[in-house]
PDBML (XML) file of the C-alpha atoms, coordinates in Angstrom:
<?xml version="1.0" encoding="UTF-8" ?>
<PDBx:datablock datablockName="MODEL"
   xmlns:PDBx="http://pdbml.pdb.org/schema/pdbx-v50.xsd"
   xmlns:xsi="http://www.w3.org/2001/XMLSchema-instance"
   xsi:schemaLocation="http://pdbml.pdb.org/schema/pdbx-v50.xsd pdbx-v50.xsd">
   <PDBx:atom_siteCategory>
      <PDBx:atom_site id="1">
         <PDBx:B_iso_or_equiv>0.00</PDBx:B_iso_or_equiv>
         <PDBx:Cartn_x>-42.415</PDBx:Cartn_x>
         <PDBx:Cartn_y>-74.500</PDBx:Cartn_y>
         <PDBx:Cartn_z>-40.185</PDBx:Cartn_z>
         <PDBx:auth_asym_id>A</PDBx:auth_asym_id>
         <PDBx:auth_atom_id>CA</PDBx:auth_atom_id>
         <PDBx:auth_comp_id>VAL</PDBx:auth_comp_id>
         <PDBx:auth_seq_id>1</PDBx:auth_seq_id>
         <PDBx:group_PDB>ATOM</PDBx:group_PDB>
         <PDBx:label_alt_id xsi:nil="true" />
         <PDBx:label_asym_id>A</PDBx:label_asym_id>
         <PDBx:label_atom_id>CA</PDBx:label_atom_id>
         <PDBx:label_comp_id>VAL</PDBx:label_comp_id>
         <PDBx:label_entity_id>1</PDBx:label_entity_id>
         <PDBx:label_seq_id>1</PDBx:label_seq_id>
         <PDBx:occupancy>1.00</PDBx:occupancy>
         <PDBx:pdbx_PDB_model_num>1</PDBx:pdbx_PDB_model_num>
         <PDBx:type_symbol>C</PDBx:type_symbol>
      </PDBx:atom_site>
      <PDBx:atom_site id="2">
         <PDBx:B_iso_or_equiv>0.00</PDBx:B_iso_or_equiv>
         <PDBx:Cartn_x>-39.082</PDBx:Cartn_x>
         <PDBx:Cartn_y>-75.888</PDBx:Cartn_y>
         <PDBx:Cartn_z>-38.993</PDBx:Cartn_z>
         <PDBx:auth_asym_id>A</PDBx:auth_asym_id>
         <PDBx:auth_atom_id>CA</PDBx:auth_atom_id>
         <PDBx:auth_comp_id>LEU</PDBx:auth_comp_id>
         <PDBx:auth_seq_id>2</PDBx:auth_seq_id>
         <PDBx:group_PDB>ATOM</PDBx:group_PDB>
         <PDBx:label_alt_id xsi:nil="true" />
         <PDBx:label_asym_id>A</PDBx:label_asym_id>
         <PDBx:label_atom_id>CA</PDBx:label_atom_id>
         <PDBx:label_comp_id>LEU</PDBx:label_comp_id>
         <PDBx:label_entity_id>1</PDBx:label_entity_id>
         <PDBx:label_seq_id>2</PDBx:label_seq_id>
         <PDBx:occupancy>1.00</PDBx:occupancy>
         <PDBx:pdbx_PDB_model_num>1</PDBx:pdbx_PDB_model_num>
         <PDBx:type_symbol>C</PDBx:type_symbol>
      </PDBx:atom_site>
      <PDBx:atom_site id="3">
         <PDBx:B_iso_or_equiv>0.00</PDBx:B_iso_or_equiv>
         <PDBx:Cartn_x>-40.540</PDBx:Cartn_x>
         <PDBx:Cartn_y>-79.396</PDBx:Cartn_y>
         <PDBx:Cartn_z>-38.639</PDBx:Cartn_z>
         <PDBx:auth_asym_id>A</PDBx:auth_asym_id>
         <PDBx:auth_atom_id>CA</PDBx:auth_atom_id>
         <PDBx:auth_comp_id>LYS</PDBx:auth_comp_id>
         <PDBx:auth_seq_id>3</PDBx:auth_seq_id>
         <PDBx:group_PDB>ATOM</PDBx:group_PDB>
         <PDBx:label_alt_id xsi:nil="true" />
         <PDBx:label_asym_id>A</PDBx:label_asym_id>
         <PDBx:label_atom_id>CA</PDBx:label_atom_id>
         <PDBx:label_comp_id>LYS</PDBx:label_comp_id>
         <PDBx:label_entity_id>1</PDBx:label_entity_id>
         <PDBx:label_seq_id>3</PDBx:label_seq_id>
         <PDBx:occupancy>1.00</PDBx:occupancy>
         <PDBx:pdbx_PDB_model_num>1</PDBx:pdbx_PDB_model_num>
         <PDBx:type_symbol>C</PDBx:type_symbol>
      </PDBx:atom_site>
      <PDBx:atom_site id="4">
         <PDBx:B_iso_or_equiv>0.00</PDBx:B_iso_or_equiv>
         <PDBx:Cartn_x>-41.498</PDBx:Cartn_x>
         <PDBx:Cartn_y>-79.370</PDBx:Cartn_y>
         <PDBx:Cartn_z>-42.327</PDBx:Cartn_z>
         <PDBx:auth_asym_id>A</PDBx:auth_asym_id>
         <PDBx:auth_atom_id>CA</PDBx:auth_atom_id>
         <PDBx:auth_comp_id>THR</PDBx:auth_comp_id>
         <PDBx:auth_seq_id>4</PDBx:auth_seq_id>
         <PDBx:group_PDB>ATOM</PDBx:group_PDB>
         <PDBx:label_alt_id xsi:nil="true" />
         <PDBx:label_asym_id>A</PDBx:label_asym_id>
         <PDBx:label_atom_id>CA</PDBx:label_atom_id>
         <PDBx:label_comp_id>THR</PDBx:label_comp_id>
         <PDBx:label_entity_id>1</PDBx:label_entity_id>
         <PDBx:label_seq_id>4</PDBx:label_seq_id>
         <PDBx:occupancy>1.00</PDBx:occupancy>
         <PDBx:pdbx_PDB_model_num>1</PDBx:pdbx_PDB_model_num>
         <PDBx:type_symbol>C</PDBx:type_symbol>
      </PDBx:atom_site>
      <PDBx:atom_site id="5">
         <PDBx:B_iso_or_equiv>0.00</PDBx:B_iso_or_equiv>
         <PDBx:Cartn_x>-37.922</PDBx:Cartn_x>
         <PDBx:Cartn_y>-78.508</PDBx:Cartn_y>
         <PDBx:Cartn_z>-43.292</PDBx:Cartn_z>
         <PDBx:auth_asym_id>A</PDBx:auth_asym_id>
         <PDBx:auth_atom_id>CA</PDBx:auth_atom_id>
         <PDBx:auth_comp_id>GLY</PDBx:auth_comp_id>
         <PDBx:auth_seq_id>5</PDBx:auth_seq_id>
         <PDBx:group_PDB>ATOM</PDBx:group_PDB>
         <PDBx:label_alt_id xsi:nil="true" />
         <PDBx:label_asym_id>A</PDBx:label_asym_id>
         <PDBx:label_atom_id>CA</PDBx:label_atom_id>
         <PDBx:label_comp_id>GLY</PDBx:label_comp_id>
         <PDBx:label_entity_id>1</PDBx:label_entity_id>
         <PDBx:label_seq_id>5</PDBx:label_seq_id>
         <PDBx:occupancy>1.00</PDBx:occupancy>
         <PDBx:pdbx_PDB_model_num>1</PDBx:pdbx_PDB_model_num>
         <PDBx:type_symbol>C</PDBx:type_symbol>
      </PDBx:atom_site>
      <PDBx:atom_site id="6">
         <PDBx:B_iso_or_equiv>0.00</PDBx:B_iso_or_equiv>
         <PDBx:Cartn_x>-38.902</PDBx:Cartn_x>
         <PDBx:Cartn_y>-75.020</PDBx:Cartn_y>
         <PDBx:Cartn_z>-44.427</PDBx:Cartn_z>
         <PDBx:auth_asym_id>A</PDBx:auth_asym_id>
         <PDBx:auth_atom_id>CA</PDBx:auth_atom_id>
         <PDBx:auth_comp_id>ALA</PDBx:auth_comp_id>
         <PDBx:auth_seq_id>6</PDBx:auth_seq_id>
         <PDBx:group_PDB>ATOM</PDBx:group_PDB>
         <PDBx:label_alt_id xsi:nil="true" />
         <PDBx:label_asym_id>A</PDBx:label_asym_id>
         <PDBx:label_atom_id>CA</PDBx:label_atom_id>
         <PDBx:label_comp_id>ALA</PDBx:label_comp_id>
         <PDBx:label_entity_id>1</PDBx:label_entity_id>
         <PDBx:label_seq_id>6</PDBx:label_seq_id>
         <PDBx:occupancy>1.00</PDBx:occupancy>
         <PDBx:pdbx_PDB_model_num>1</PDBx:pdbx_PDB_model_num>
         <PDBx:type_symbol>C</PDBx:type_symbol>
      </PDBx:atom_site>
      <PDBx:atom_site id="7">
         <PDBx:B_iso_or_equiv>0.00</PDBx:B_iso_or_equiv>
         <PDBx:Cartn_x>-37.419</PDBx:Cartn_x>
         <PDBx:Cartn_y>-71.743</PDBx:Cartn_y>
         <PDBx:Cartn_z>-43.226</PDBx:Cartn_z>
         <PDBx:auth_asym_id>A</PDBx:auth_asym_id>
         <PDBx:auth_atom_id>CA</PDBx:auth_atom_id>
         <PDBx:auth_comp_id>ALA</PDBx:auth_comp_id>
         <PDBx:auth_seq_id>7</PDBx:auth_seq_id>
         <PDBx:group_PDB>ATOM</PDBx:group_PDB>
         <PDBx:label_alt_id xsi:nil="true" />
         <PDBx:label_asym_id>A</PDBx:label_asym_id>
         <PDBx:label_atom_id>CA</PDBx:label_atom_id>
         <PDBx:label_comp_id>ALA</PDBx:label_comp_id>
         <PDBx:label_entity_id>1</PDBx:label_entity_id>
         <PDBx:label_seq_id>7</PDBx:label_seq_id>
         <PDBx:occupancy>1.00</PDBx:occupancy>
         <PDBx:pdbx_PDB_model_num>1</PDBx:pdbx_PDB_model_num>
         <PDBx:type_symbol>C</PDBx:type_symbol>
      </PDBx:atom_site>
      <PDBx:atom_site id="8">
         <PDBx:B_iso_or_equiv>0.00</PDBx:B_iso_or_equiv>
         <PDBx:Cartn_x>-39.261</PDBx:Cartn_x>
         <PDBx:Cartn_y>-68.853</PDBx:Cartn_y>
         <PDBx:Cartn_z>-41.629</PDBx:Cartn_z>
         <PDBx:auth_asym_id>A</PDBx:auth_asym_id>
         <PDBx:auth_atom_id>CA</PDBx:auth_atom_id>
         <PDBx:auth_comp_id>TYR</PDBx:auth_comp_id>
         <PDBx:auth_seq_id>8</PDBx:auth_seq_id>
         <PDBx:group_PDB>ATOM</PDBx:group_PDB>
         <PDBx:label_alt_id xsi:nil="true" />
         <PDBx:label_asym_id>A</PDBx:label_asym_id>
         <PDBx:label_atom_id>CA</PDBx:label_atom_id>
         <PDBx:label_comp_id>TYR</PDBx:label_comp_id>
         <PDBx:label_entity_id>1</PDBx:label_entity_id>
         <PDBx:label_seq_id>8</PDBx:label_seq_id>
         <PDBx:occupancy>1.00</PDBx:occupancy>
         <PDBx:pdbx_PDB_model_num>1</PDBx:pdbx_PDB_model_num>
         <PDBx:type_symbol>C</PDBx:type_symbol>
      </PDBx:atom_site>
      <PDBx:atom_site id="9">
         <PDBx:B_iso_or_equiv>0.00</PDBx:B_iso_or_equiv>
         <PDBx:Cartn_x>-38.995</PDBx:Cartn_x>
         <PDBx:Cartn_y>-65.099</PDBx:Cartn_y>
         <PDBx:Cartn_z>-41.922</PDBx:Cartn_z>
         <PDBx:auth_asym_id>A</PDBx:auth_asym_id>
         <PDBx:auth_atom_id>CA</PDBx:auth_atom_id>
         <PDBx:auth_comp_id>LEU</PDBx:auth_comp_id>
         <PDBx:auth_seq_id>9</PDBx:auth_seq_id>
         <PDBx:group_PDB>ATOM</PDBx:group_PDB>
         <PDBx:label_alt_id xsi:nil="true" />
         <PDBx:label_asym_id>A</PDBx:label_asym_id>
         <PDBx:label_atom_id>CA</PDBx:label_atom_id>
         <PDBx:label_comp_id>LEU</PDBx:label_comp_id>
         <PDBx:label_entity_id>1</PDBx:label_entity_id>
         <PDBx:label_seq_id>9</PDBx:label_seq_id>
         <PDBx:occupancy>1.00</PDBx:occupancy>
         <PDBx:pdbx_PDB_model_num>1</PDBx:pdbx_PDB_model_num>
         <PDBx:type_symbol>C</PDBx:type_symbol>
      </PDBx:atom_site>
      <PDBx:atom_site id="10">
         <PDBx:B_iso_or_equiv>0.00</PDBx:B_iso_or_equiv>
         <PDBx:Cartn_x>-39.999</PDBx:Cartn_x>
         <PDBx:Cartn_y>-63.220</PDBx:Cartn_y>
         <PDBx:Cartn_z>-38.776</PDBx:Cartn_z>
         <PDBx:auth_asym_id>A</PDBx:auth_asym_id>
         <PDBx:auth_atom_id>CA</PDBx:auth_atom_id>
         <PDBx:auth_comp_id>PRO</PDBx:auth_comp_id>
         <PDBx:auth_seq_id>10</PDBx:auth_seq_id>
         <PDBx:group_PDB>ATOM</PDBx:group_PDB>
         <PDBx:label_alt_id xsi:nil="true" />
         <PDBx:label_asym_id>A</PDBx:label_asym_id>
         <PDBx:label_atom_id>CA</PDBx:label_atom_id>
         <PDBx:label_comp_id>PRO</PDBx:label_comp_id>
         <PDBx:label_entity_id>1</PDBx:label_entity_id>
         <PDBx:label_seq_id>10</PDBx:label_seq_id>
         <PDBx:occupancy>1.00</PDBx:occupancy>
         <PDBx:pdbx_PDB_model_num>1</PDBx:pdbx_PDB_model_num>
         <PDBx:type_symbol>C</PDBx:type_symbol>
      </PDBx:atom_site>
      <PDBx:atom_site id="11">
         <PDBx:B_iso_or_equiv>0.00</PDBx:B_iso_or_equiv>
         <PDBx:Cartn_x>-41.995</PDBx:Cartn_x>
         <PDBx:Cartn_y>-60.084</PDBx:Cartn_y>
         <PDBx:Cartn_z>-39.556</PDBx:Cartn_z>
         <PDBx:auth_asym_id>A</PDBx:auth_asym_id>
         <PDBx:auth_atom_id>CA</PDBx:auth_atom_id>
         <PDBx:auth_comp_id>ILE</PDBx:auth_comp_id>
         <PDBx:auth_seq_id>11</PDBx:auth_seq_id>
         <PDBx:group_PDB>ATOM</PDBx:group_PDB>
         <PDBx:label_alt_id xsi:nil="true" />
         <PDBx:label_asym_id>A</PDBx:label_asym_id>
         <PDBx:label_atom_id>CA</PDBx:label_atom_id>
         <PDBx:label_comp_id>ILE</PDBx:label_comp_id>
         <PDBx:label_entity_id>1</PDBx:label_entity_id>
         <PDBx:label_seq_id>11</PDBx:label_seq_id>
         <PDBx:occupancy>1.00</PDBx:occupancy>
         <PDBx:pdbx_PDB_model_num>1</PDBx:pdbx_PDB_model_num>
         <PDBx:type_symbol>C</PDBx:type_symbol>
      </PDBx:atom_site>
      <PDBx:atom_site id="12">
         <PDBx:B_iso_or_equiv>0.00</PDBx:B_iso_or_equiv>
         <PDBx:Cartn_x>-42.645</PDBx:Cartn_x>
         <PDBx:Cartn_y>-57.714</PDBx:Cartn_y>
         <PDBx:Cartn_z>-36.676</PDBx:Cartn_z>
         <PDBx:auth_asym_id>A</PDBx:auth_asym_id>
         <PDBx:auth_atom_id>CA</PDBx:auth_atom_id>
         <PDBx:auth_comp_id>ASP</PDBx:auth_comp_id>
         <PDBx:auth_seq_id>12</PDBx:auth_seq_id>
         <PDBx:group_PDB>ATOM</PDBx:group_PDB>
         <PDBx:label_alt_id xsi:nil="true" />
         <PDBx:label_asym_id>A</PDBx:label_asym_id>
         <PDBx:label_atom_id>CA</PDBx:label_atom_id>
         <PDBx:label_comp_id>ASP</PDBx:label_comp_id>
         <PDBx:label_entity_id>1</PDBx:label_entity_id>
         <PDBx:label_seq_id>12</PDBx:label_seq_id>
         <PDBx:occupancy>1.00</PDBx:occupancy>
         <PDBx:pdbx_PDB_model_num>1</PDBx:pdbx_PDB_model_num>
         <PDBx:type_symbol>C</PDBx:type_symbol>
      </PDBx:atom_site>
      <PDBx:atom_site id="13">
         <PDBx:B_iso_or_equiv>0.00</PDBx:B_iso_or_equiv>
         <PDBx:Cartn_x>-46.159</PDBx:Cartn_x>
         <PDBx:Cartn_y>-56.277</PDBx:Cartn_y>
         <PDBx:Cartn_z>-37.092</PDBx:Cartn_z>
         <PDBx:auth_asym_id>A</PDBx:auth_asym_id>
         <PDBx:auth_atom_id>CA</PDBx:auth_atom_id>
         <PDBx:auth_comp_id>PRO</PDBx:auth_comp_id>
         <PDBx:auth_seq_id>13</PDBx:auth_seq_id>
         <PDBx:group_PDB>ATOM</PDBx:group_PDB>
         <PDBx:label_alt_id xsi:nil="true" />
         <PDBx:label_asym_id>A</PDBx:label_asym_id>
         <PDBx:label_atom_id>CA</PDBx:label_atom_id>
         <PDBx:label_comp_id>PRO</PDBx:label_comp_id>
         <PDBx:label_entity_id>1</PDBx:label_entity_id>
         <PDBx:label_seq_id>13</PDBx:label_seq_id>
         <PDBx:occupancy>1.00</PDBx:occupancy>
         <PDBx:pdbx_PDB_model_num>1</PDBx:pdbx_PDB_model_num>
         <PDBx:type_symbol>C</PDBx:type_symbol>
      </PDBx:atom_site>
      <PDBx:atom_site id="14">
         <PDBx:B_iso_or_equiv>0.00</PDBx:B_iso_or_equiv>
         <PDBx:Cartn_x>-44.859</PDBx:Cartn_x>
         <PDBx:Cartn_y>-53.063</PDBx:Cartn_y>
         <PDBx:Cartn_z>-35.498</PDBx:Cartn_z>
         <PDBx:auth_asym_id>A</PDBx:auth_asym_id>
         <PDBx:auth_atom_id>CA</PDBx:auth_atom_id>
         <PDBx:auth_comp_id>GLU</PDBx:auth_comp_id>
         <PDBx:auth_seq_id>14</PDBx:auth_seq_id>
         <PDBx:group_PDB>ATOM</PDBx:group_PDB>
         <PDBx:label_alt_id xsi:nil="true" />
         <PDBx:label_asym_id>A</PDBx:label_asym_id>
         <PDBx:label_atom_id>CA</PDBx:label_atom_id>
         <PDBx:label_comp_id>GLU</PDBx:label_comp_id>
         <PDBx:label_entity_id>1</PDBx:label_entity_id>
         <PDBx:label_seq_id>14</PDBx:label_seq_id>
         <PDBx:occupancy>1.00</PDBx:occupancy>
         <PDBx:pdbx_PDB_model_num>1</PDBx:pdbx_PDB_model_num>
         <PDBx:type_symbol>C</PDBx:type_symbol>
      </PDBx:atom_site>
      <PDBx:atom_site id="15">
         <PDBx:B_iso_or_equiv>0.00</PDBx:B_iso_or_equiv>
         <PDBx:Cartn_x>-42.391</PDBx:Cartn_x>
         <PDBx:Cartn_y>-52.437</PDBx:Cartn_y>
         <PDBx:Cartn_z>-38.338</PDBx:Cartn_z>
         <PDBx:auth_asym_id>A</PDBx:auth_asym_id>
         <PDBx:auth_atom_id>CA</PDBx:auth_atom_id>
         <PDBx:auth_comp_id>HIS</PDBx:auth_comp_id>
         <PDBx:auth_seq_id>15</PDBx:auth_seq_id>
         <PDBx:group_PDB>ATOM</PDBx:group_PDB>
         <PDBx:label_alt_id xsi:nil="true" />
         <PDBx:label_asym_id>A</PDBx:label_asym_id>
         <PDBx:label_atom_id>CA</PDBx:label_atom_id>
         <PDBx:label_comp_id>HIS</PDBx:label_comp_id>
         <PDBx:label_entity_id>1</PDBx:label_entity_id>
         <PDBx:label_seq_id>15</PDBx:label_seq_id>
         <PDBx:occupancy>1.00</PDBx:occupancy>
         <PDBx:pdbx_PDB_model_num>1</PDBx:pdbx_PDB_model_num>
         <PDBx:type_symbol>C</PDBx:type_symbol>
      </PDBx:atom_site>
      <PDBx:atom_site id="16">
         <PDBx:B_iso_or_equiv>0.00</PDBx:B_iso_or_equiv>
         <PDBx:Cartn_x>-43.183</PDBx:Cartn_x>
         <PDBx:Cartn_y>-49.647</PDBx:Cartn_y>
         <PDBx:Cartn_z>-40.808</PDBx:Cartn_z>
         <PDBx:auth_asym_id>A</PDBx:auth_asym_id>
         <PDBx:auth_atom_id>CA</PDBx:auth_atom_id>
         <PDBx:auth_comp_id>PRO</PDBx:auth_comp_id>
         <PDBx:auth_seq_id>16</PDBx:auth_seq_id>
         <PDBx:group_PDB>ATOM</PDBx:group_PDB>
         <PDBx:label_alt_id xsi:nil="true" />
         <PDBx:label_asym_id>A</PDBx:label_asym_id>
         <PDBx:label_atom_id>CA</PDBx:label_atom_id>
         <PDBx:label_comp_id>PRO</PDBx:label_comp_id>
         <PDBx:label_entity_id>1</PDBx:label_entity_id>
         <PDBx:label_seq_id>16</PDBx:label_seq_id>
         <PDBx:occupancy>1.00</PDBx:occupancy>
         <PDBx:pdbx_PDB_model_num>1</PDBx:pdbx_PDB_model_num>
         <PDBx:type_symbol>C</PDBx:type_symbol>
      </PDBx:atom_site>
      <PDBx:atom_site id="17">
         <PDBx:B_iso_or_equiv>0.00</PDBx:B_iso_or_equiv>
         <PDBx:Cartn_x>-45.353</PDBx:Cartn_x>
         <PDBx:Cartn_y>-50.786</PDBx:Cartn_y>
         <PDBx:Cartn_z>-43.738</PDBx:Cartn_z>
         <PDBx:auth_asym_id>A</PDBx:auth_asym_id>
         <PDBx:auth_atom_id>CA</PDBx:auth_atom_id>
         <PDBx:auth_comp_id>ALA</PDBx:auth_comp_id>
         <PDBx:auth_seq_id>17</PDBx:auth_seq_id>
         <PDBx:group_PDB>ATOM</PDBx:group_PDB>
         <PDBx:label_alt_id xsi:nil="true" />
         <PDBx:label_asym_id>A</PDBx:label_asym_id>
         <PDBx:label_atom_id>CA</PDBx:label_atom_id>
         <PDBx:label_comp_id>ALA</PDBx:label_comp_id>
         <PDBx:label_entity_id>1</PDBx:label_entity_id>
         <PDBx:label_seq_id>17</PDBx:label_seq_id>
         <PDBx:occupancy>1.00</PDBx:occupancy>
         <PDBx:pdbx_PDB_model_num>1</PDBx:pdbx_PDB_model_num>
         <PDBx:type_symbol>C</PDBx:type_symbol>
      </PDBx:atom_site>
      <PDBx:atom_site id="18">
         <PDBx:B_iso_or_equiv>0.00</PDBx:B_iso_or_equiv>
         <PDBx:Cartn_x>-42.587</PDBx:Cartn_x>
         <PDBx:Cartn_y>-49.986</PDBx:Cartn_y>
         <PDBx:Cartn_z>-46.252</PDBx:Cartn_z>
         <PDBx:auth_asym_id>A</PDBx:auth_asym_id>
         <PDBx:auth_atom_id>CA</PDBx:auth_atom_id>
         <PDBx:auth_comp_id>GLU</PDBx:auth_comp_id>
         <PDBx:auth_seq_id>18</PDBx:auth_seq_id>
         <PDBx:group_PDB>ATOM</PDBx:group_PDB>
         <PDBx:label_alt_id xsi:nil="true" />
         <PDBx:label_asym_id>A</PDBx:label_asym_id>
         <PDBx:label_atom_id>CA</PDBx:label_atom_id>
         <PDBx:label_comp_id>GLU</PDBx:label_comp_id>
         <PDBx:label_entity_id>1</PDBx:label_entity_id>
         <PDBx:label_seq_id>18</PDBx:label_seq_id>
         <PDBx:occupancy>1.00</PDBx:occupancy>
         <PDBx:pdbx_PDB_model_num>1</PDBx:pdbx_PDB_model_num>
         <PDBx:type_symbol>C</PDBx:type_symbol>
      </PDBx:atom_site>
      <PDBx:atom_site id="19">
         <PDBx:B_iso_or_equiv>0.00</PDBx:B_iso_or_equiv>
         <PDBx:Cartn_x>-40.128</PDBx:Cartn_x>
         <PDBx:Cartn_y>-52.274</PDBx:Cartn_y>
         <PDBx:Cartn_z>-44.463</PDBx:Cartn_z>
         <PDBx:auth_asym_id>A</PDBx:auth_asym_id>
         <PDBx:auth_atom_id>CA</PDBx:auth_atom_id>
         <PDBx:auth_comp_id>ARG</PDBx:auth_comp_id>
         <PDBx:auth_seq_id>19</PDBx:auth_seq_id>
         <PDBx:group_PDB>ATOM</PDBx:group_PDB>
         <PDBx:label_alt_id xsi:nil="true" />
         <PDBx:label_asym_id>A</PDBx:label_asym_id>
         <PDBx:label_atom_id>CA</PDBx:label_atom_id>
         <PDBx:label_comp_id>ARG</PDBx:label_comp_id>
         <PDBx:label_entity_id>1</PDBx:label_entity_id>
         <PDBx:label_seq_id>19</PDBx:label_seq_id>
         <PDBx:occupancy>1.00</PDBx:occupancy>
         <PDBx:pdbx_PDB_model_num>1</PDBx:pdbx_PDB_model_num>
         <PDBx:type_symbol>C</PDBx:type_symbol>
      </PDBx:atom_site>
      <PDBx:atom_site id="20">
         <PDBx:B_iso_or_equiv>0.00</PDBx:B_iso_or_equiv>
         <PDBx:Cartn_x>-42.657</PDBx:Cartn_x>
         <PDBx:Cartn_y>-55.136</PDBx:Cartn_y>
         <PDBx:Cartn_z>-44.264</PDBx:Cartn_z>
         <PDBx:auth_asym_id>A</PDBx:auth_asym_id>
         <PDBx:auth_atom_id>CA</PDBx:auth_atom_id>
         <PDBx:auth_comp_id>VAL</PDBx:auth_comp_id>
         <PDBx:auth_seq_id>20</PDBx:auth_seq_id>
         <PDBx:group_PDB>ATOM</PDBx:group_PDB>
         <PDBx:label_alt_id xsi:nil="true" />
         <PDBx:label_asym_id>A</PDBx:label_asym_id>
         <PDBx:label_atom_id>CA</PDBx:label_atom_id>
         <PDBx:label_comp_id>VAL</PDBx:label_comp_id>
         <PDBx:label_entity_id>1</PDBx:label_entity_id>
         <PDBx:label_seq_id>20</PDBx:label_seq_id>
         <PDBx:occupancy>1.00</PDBx:occupancy>
         <PDBx:pdbx_PDB_model_num>1</PDBx:pdbx_PDB_model_num>
         <PDBx:type_symbol>C</PDBx:type_symbol>
      </PDBx:atom_site>
      <PDBx:atom_site id="21">
         <PDBx:B_iso_or_equiv>0.00</PDBx:B_iso_or_equiv>
         <PDBx:Cartn_x>-43.472</PDBx:Cartn_x>
         <PDBx:Cartn_y>-54.725</PDBx:Cartn_y>
         <PDBx:Cartn_z>-47.957</PDBx:Cartn_z>
         <PDBx:auth_asym_id>A</PDBx:auth_asym_id>
         <PDBx:auth_atom_id>CA</PDBx:auth_atom_id>
         <PDBx:auth_comp_id>GLU</PDBx:auth_comp_id>
         <PDBx:auth_seq_id>21</PDBx:auth_seq_id>
         <PDBx:group_PDB>ATOM</PDBx:group_PDB>
         <PDBx:label_alt_id xsi:nil="true" />
         <PDBx:label_asym_id>A</PDBx:label_asym_id>
         <PDBx:label_atom_id>CA</PDBx:label_atom_id>
         <PDBx:label_comp_id>GLU</PDBx:label_comp_id>
         <PDBx:label_entity_id>1</PDBx:label_entity_id>
         <PDBx:label_seq_id>21</PDBx:label_seq_id>
         <PDBx:occupancy>1.00</PDBx:occupancy>
         <PDBx:pdbx_PDB_model_num>1</PDBx:pdbx_PDB_model_num>
         <PDBx:type_symbol>C</PDBx:type_symbol>
      </PDBx:atom_site>
      <PDBx:atom_site id="22">
         <PDBx:B_iso_or_equiv>0.00</PDBx:B_iso_or_equiv>
         <PDBx:Cartn_x>-39.760</PDBx:Cartn_x>
         <PDBx:Cartn_y>-54.686</PDBx:Cartn_y>
         <PDBx:Cartn_z>-48.864</PDBx:Cartn_z>
         <PDBx:auth_asym_id>A</PDBx:auth_asym_id>
         <PDBx:auth_atom_id>CA</PDBx:auth_atom_id>
         <PDBx:auth_comp_id>PHE</PDBx:auth_comp_id>
         <PDBx:auth_seq_id>22</PDBx:auth_seq_id>
         <PDBx:group_PDB>ATOM</PDBx:group_PDB>
         <PDBx:label_alt_id xsi:nil="true" />
         <PDBx:label_asym_id>A</PDBx:label_asym_id>
         <PDBx:label_atom_id>CA</PDBx:label_atom_id>
         <PDBx:label_comp_id>PHE</PDBx:label_comp_id>
         <PDBx:label_entity_id>1</PDBx:label_entity_id>
         <PDBx:label_seq_id>22</PDBx:label_seq_id>
         <PDBx:occupancy>1.00</PDBx:occupancy>
         <PDBx:pdbx_PDB_model_num>1</PDBx:pdbx_PDB_model_num>
         <PDBx:type_symbol>C</PDBx:type_symbol>
      </PDBx:atom_site>
      <PDBx:atom_site id="23">
         <PDBx:B_iso_or_equiv>0.00</PDBx:B_iso_or_equiv>
         <PDBx:Cartn_x>-38.993</PDBx:Cartn_x>
         <PDBx:Cartn_y>-57.848</PDBx:Cartn_y>
         <PDBx:Cartn_z>-46.861</PDBx:Cartn_z>
         <PDBx:auth_asym_id>A</PDBx:auth_asym_id>
         <PDBx:auth_atom_id>CA</PDBx:auth_atom_id>
         <PDBx:auth_comp_id>MET</PDBx:auth_comp_id>
         <PDBx:auth_seq_id>23</PDBx:auth_seq_id>
         <PDBx:group_PDB>ATOM</PDBx:group_PDB>
         <PDBx:label_alt_id xsi:nil="true" />
         <PDBx:label_asym_id>A</PDBx:label_asym_id>
         <PDBx:label_atom_id>CA</PDBx:label_atom_id>
         <PDBx:label_comp_id>MET</PDBx:label_comp_id>
         <PDBx:label_entity_id>1</PDBx:label_entity_id>
         <PDBx:label_seq_id>23</PDBx:label_seq_id>
         <PDBx:occupancy>1.00</PDBx:occupancy>
         <PDBx:pdbx_PDB_model_num>1</PDBx:pdbx_PDB_model_num>
         <PDBx:type_symbol>C</PDBx:type_symbol>
      </PDBx:atom_site>
      <PDBx:atom_site id="24">
         <PDBx:B_iso_or_equiv>0.00</PDBx:B_iso_or_equiv>
         <PDBx:Cartn_x>-41.963</PDBx:Cartn_x>
         <PDBx:Cartn_y>-59.753</PDBx:Cartn_y>
         <PDBx:Cartn_z>-48.285</PDBx:Cartn_z>
         <PDBx:auth_asym_id>A</PDBx:auth_asym_id>
         <PDBx:auth_atom_id>CA</PDBx:auth_atom_id>
         <PDBx:auth_comp_id>LEU</PDBx:auth_comp_id>
         <PDBx:auth_seq_id>24</PDBx:auth_seq_id>
         <PDBx:group_PDB>ATOM</PDBx:group_PDB>
         <PDBx:label_alt_id xsi:nil="true" />
         <PDBx:label_asym_id>A</PDBx:label_asym_id>
         <PDBx:label_atom_id>CA</PDBx:label_atom_id>
         <PDBx:label_comp_id>LEU</PDBx:label_comp_id>
         <PDBx:label_entity_id>1</PDBx:label_entity_id>
         <PDBx:label_seq_id>24</PDBx:label_seq_id>
         <PDBx:occupancy>1.00</PDBx:occupancy>
         <PDBx:pdbx_PDB_model_num>1</PDBx:pdbx_PDB_model_num>
         <PDBx:type_symbol>C</PDBx:type_symbol>
      </PDBx:atom_site>
      <PDBx:atom_site id="25">
         <PDBx:B_iso_or_equiv>0.00</PDBx:B_iso_or_equiv>
         <PDBx:Cartn_x>-41.088</PDBx:Cartn_x>
         <PDBx:Cartn_y>-58.719</PDBx:Cartn_y>
         <PDBx:Cartn_z>-51.834</PDBx:Cartn_z>
         <PDBx:auth_asym_id>A</PDBx:auth_asym_id>
         <PDBx:auth_atom_id>CA</PDBx:auth_atom_id>
         <PDBx:auth_comp_id>HIS</PDBx:auth_comp_id>
         <PDBx:auth_seq_id>25</PDBx:auth_seq_id>
         <PDBx:group_PDB>ATOM</PDBx:group_PDB>
         <PDBx:label_alt_id xsi:nil="true" />
         <PDBx:label_asym_id>A</PDBx:label_asym_id>
         <PDBx:label_atom_id>CA</PDBx:label_atom_id>
         <PDBx:label_comp_id>HIS</PDBx:label_comp_id>
         <PDBx:label_entity_id>1</PDBx:label_entity_id>
         <PDBx:label_seq_id>25</PDBx:label_seq_id>
         <PDBx:occupancy>1.00</PDBx:occupancy>
         <PDBx:pdbx_PDB_model_num>1</PDBx:pdbx_PDB_model_num>
         <PDBx:type_symbol>C</PDBx:type_symbol>
      </PDBx:atom_site>
   </PDBx:atom_siteCategory>
</PDBx:datablock>
């Protein structure tokens, strides 16, 4: 991702579903 010049967003699969949904939205 970094090599393409894009940015990444780490998502911990252990996070609560509501938090993951919020961050992705």
